[in-house]
Amino acid sequence: MSATTESRQFLSPALKARFVRHLAELGALCAVLAGLTVLVSLVSYHAGDPSLDTASSLPPQNLAGRFGAILADLLLQGFGVAGALPALVLLAWGFVLVNRGEITRWRLRALAALLAMPCLASMFGVFHALNAAFAPAWPVAA
């Protein structure tokens, strides 16, 4: 007698594909919300907000609250205008997840975005040094 073994799947292929699609949509929503949070934090930056290097008893004026004040301070002090890159990357990834359902080689892309931040900050720094007309409009002074 030969024993037949049937492998039973917990989910049908159609149900599994639908589940994966909903996970991608949830990931897209999280990426877009995180990107918007970073963007709102940067746009509503106030130099007097309490952060890691600024002590203040006043409540933060940043629209994202204390977290947004700290995040904006770290990004702007560390990378300048290039600090907006994480917001743009997260918004783009949300768009890609909605349209394609996956981000190929996301680890490599995340590493490239992290490495691009200091390079972009350096490029903007050189541009700023060559064109001093931008000096009065910048909210962070070192």
Protein backbone atom coordinates (compact mmCIF):
# COMPACT_ATOMS: atom_id res chain seq x y z
CA MET A 1 0.00 0.00 0.00
CA SER A 2 1.23 3.38 -0.79
CA ALA A 3 0.49 6.18 1.52
CA THR A 4 -0.53 9.39 -0.12
CA THR A 5 0.24 12.57 1.65
CA GLU A 6 -1.68 15.61 0.79
CA SER A 7 -0.30 18.94 1.73
CA ARG A 8 -3.03 21.23 2.77
CA GLN A 9 -2.50 24.92 2.70
CA PHE A 10 -3.88 27.13 5.40
CA LEU A 11 -4.79 29.86 2.91
CA SER A 12 -5.80 29.50 -0.68
CA PRO A 13 -3.50 31.23 -3.20
CA ALA A 14 -6.15 33.87 -3.95
CA LEU A 15 -6.67 34.62 -0.27
CA LYS A 16 -2.92 34.70 0.32
CA ALA A 17 -2.44 37.18 -2.56
CA ARG A 18 -5.21 39.36 -1.16
CA PHE A 19 -3.62 39.27 2.30
CA VAL A 20 -0.22 40.26 0.89
CA ARG A 21 -1.85 43.10 -1.06
CA HIS A 22 -3.52 44.42 2.10
CA LEU A 23 -0.20 44.23 3.96
CA ALA A 24 1.40 46.29 1.18
CA GLU A 25 -1.38 48.86 1.46
CA LEU A 26 -0.89 49.02 5.22
CA GLY A 27 2.85 49.48 4.69
CA ALA A 28 2.14 52.25 2.19
CA LEU A 29 -0.12 54.00 4.67
CA CYS A 30 2.54 53.78 7.39
CA ALA A 31 5.23 55.08 5.02
CA VAL A 32 3.08 58.02 3.91
CA LEU A 33 2.11 58.90 7.49
CA ALA A 34 5.74 58.74 8.62
CA GLY A 35 6.82 60.87 5.64
CA LEU A 36 4.13 63.45 6.35
CA THR A 37 5.12 63.53 10.02
CA VAL A 38 8.74 64.25 9.11
CA LEU A 39 7.66 66.87 6.58
CA VAL A 40 5.31 68.62 9.03
CA SER A 41 8.04 68.52 11.68
CA LEU A 42 10.52 70.19 9.34
CA VAL A 43 8.10 72.79 7.99
CA SER A 44 6.93 73.83 11.46
CA TYR A 45 10.46 73.97 12.92
CA HIS A 46 11.02 76.65 15.54
CA ALA A 47 14.52 77.28 16.90
CA GLY A 48 13.21 77.91 20.43
CA ASP A 49 11.39 74.59 20.74
CA PRO A 50 12.65 72.24 23.46
CA SER A 51 14.91 69.57 22.00
CA LEU A 52 18.03 67.64 22.88
CA ASP A 53 20.23 70.74 22.76
CA THR A 54 17.69 73.43 23.72
CA ALA A 55 16.18 73.67 27.19
CA SER A 56 12.85 75.46 27.42
CA SER A 57 9.94 75.41 29.82
CA LEU A 58 7.57 76.52 27.05
CA PRO A 59 5.53 73.98 25.13
CA PRO A 60 6.84 73.20 21.64
CA GLN A 61 5.44 75.26 18.77
CA ASN A 62 6.15 72.45 16.32
CA LEU A 63 2.93 71.01 14.88
CA ALA A 64 4.18 67.48 15.56
CA GLY A 65 4.74 68.25 19.24
CA ARG A 66 7.84 67.43 21.25
CA PHE A 67 8.75 64.51 19.00
CA GLY A 68 8.53 66.74 15.93
CA ALA A 69 10.62 69.44 17.59
CA ILE A 70 13.38 66.96 18.44
CA LEU A 71 13.23 65.29 15.02
CA ALA A 72 13.31 68.58 13.12
CA ASP A 73 16.16 69.88 15.26
CA LEU A 74 18.24 66.74 14.67
CA LEU A 75 17.61 66.68 10.94
CA LEU A 76 18.13 70.40 10.35
CA GLN A 77 21.16 70.74 12.62
CA GLY A 78 22.74 67.59 11.24
CA PHE A 79 21.90 67.74 7.55
CA GLY A 80 20.33 71.11 6.76
CA VAL A 81 17.98 71.08 3.78
CA ALA A 82 19.04 67.50 3.05
CA GLY A 83 17.14 66.53 6.22
CA ALA A 84 14.00 66.54 4.08
CA LEU A 85 15.28 63.51 2.18
CA PRO A 86 13.80 60.91 4.60
CA ALA A 87 10.36 62.48 4.19
CA LEU A 88 10.63 62.41 0.41
CA VAL A 89 11.88 58.82 0.42
CA LEU A 90 9.06 57.65 2.70
CA LEU A 91 6.43 59.41 0.57
CA ALA A 92 7.90 57.89 -2.60
CA TRP A 93 7.96 54.42 -1.04
CA GLY A 94 4.32 54.79 -0.04
CA PHE A 95 3.47 55.66 -3.64
CA VAL A 96 5.46 52.67 -4.93
CA LEU A 97 3.81 50.29 -2.46
CA VAL A 98 0.35 51.42 -3.51
CA ASN A 99 1.10 51.05 -7.22
CA ARG A 100 3.39 47.99 -7.32
CA GLY A 101 2.73 46.27 -4.02
CA GLU A 102 6.42 45.84 -3.16
CA ILE A 103 9.72 47.66 -2.99
CA THR A 104 12.50 45.70 -4.59
CA ARG A 105 15.88 45.70 -2.85
CA TRP A 106 14.57 47.96 -0.07
CA ARG A 107 17.62 47.43 2.15
CA LEU A 108 19.92 48.69 -0.58
CA ARG A 109 17.62 51.62 -1.28
CA ALA A 110 17.44 52.55 2.41
CA LEU A 111 21.23 52.40 2.67
CA ALA A 112 21.55 54.57 -0.45
CA ALA A 113 19.15 57.14 1.03
CA LEU A 114 21.11 57.21 4.30
CA LEU A 115 24.39 57.66 2.44
CA ALA A 116 22.86 60.32 0.19
CA MET A 117 21.93 62.56 3.13
CA PRO A 118 25.47 63.68 4.08
CA CYS A 119 26.45 63.89 0.40
CA LEU A 120 23.44 66.08 -0.36
CA ALA A 121 24.11 68.18 2.74
CA SER A 122 27.70 68.72 1.60
CA MET A 123 26.54 69.70 -1.87
CA PHE A 124 24.08 72.22 -0.45
CA GLY A 125 26.80 73.53 1.87
CA VAL A 126 29.14 74.18 -1.06
CA PHE A 127 26.32 75.78 -3.03
CA HIS A 128 25.47 77.95 -0.03
CA ALA A 129 29.11 79.02 0.39
CA LEU A 130 29.30 79.99 -3.28
CA ASN A 131 26.01 81.90 -3.20
CA ALA A 132 25.65 83.88 0.03
CA ALA A 133 22.19 85.15 -0.98
CA PHE A 134 20.61 82.22 0.90
CA ALA A 135 22.11 83.20 4.26
CA PRO A 136 19.31 85.44 5.64
CA ALA A 137 16.51 82.95 4.94
CA TRP A 138 17.96 79.97 6.82
CA PRO A 139 16.36 79.31 10.26
CA VAL A 140 19.31 77.42 11.79
CA ALA A 141 22.53 79.27 12.47
CA ALA A 142 25.66 77.55 13.73
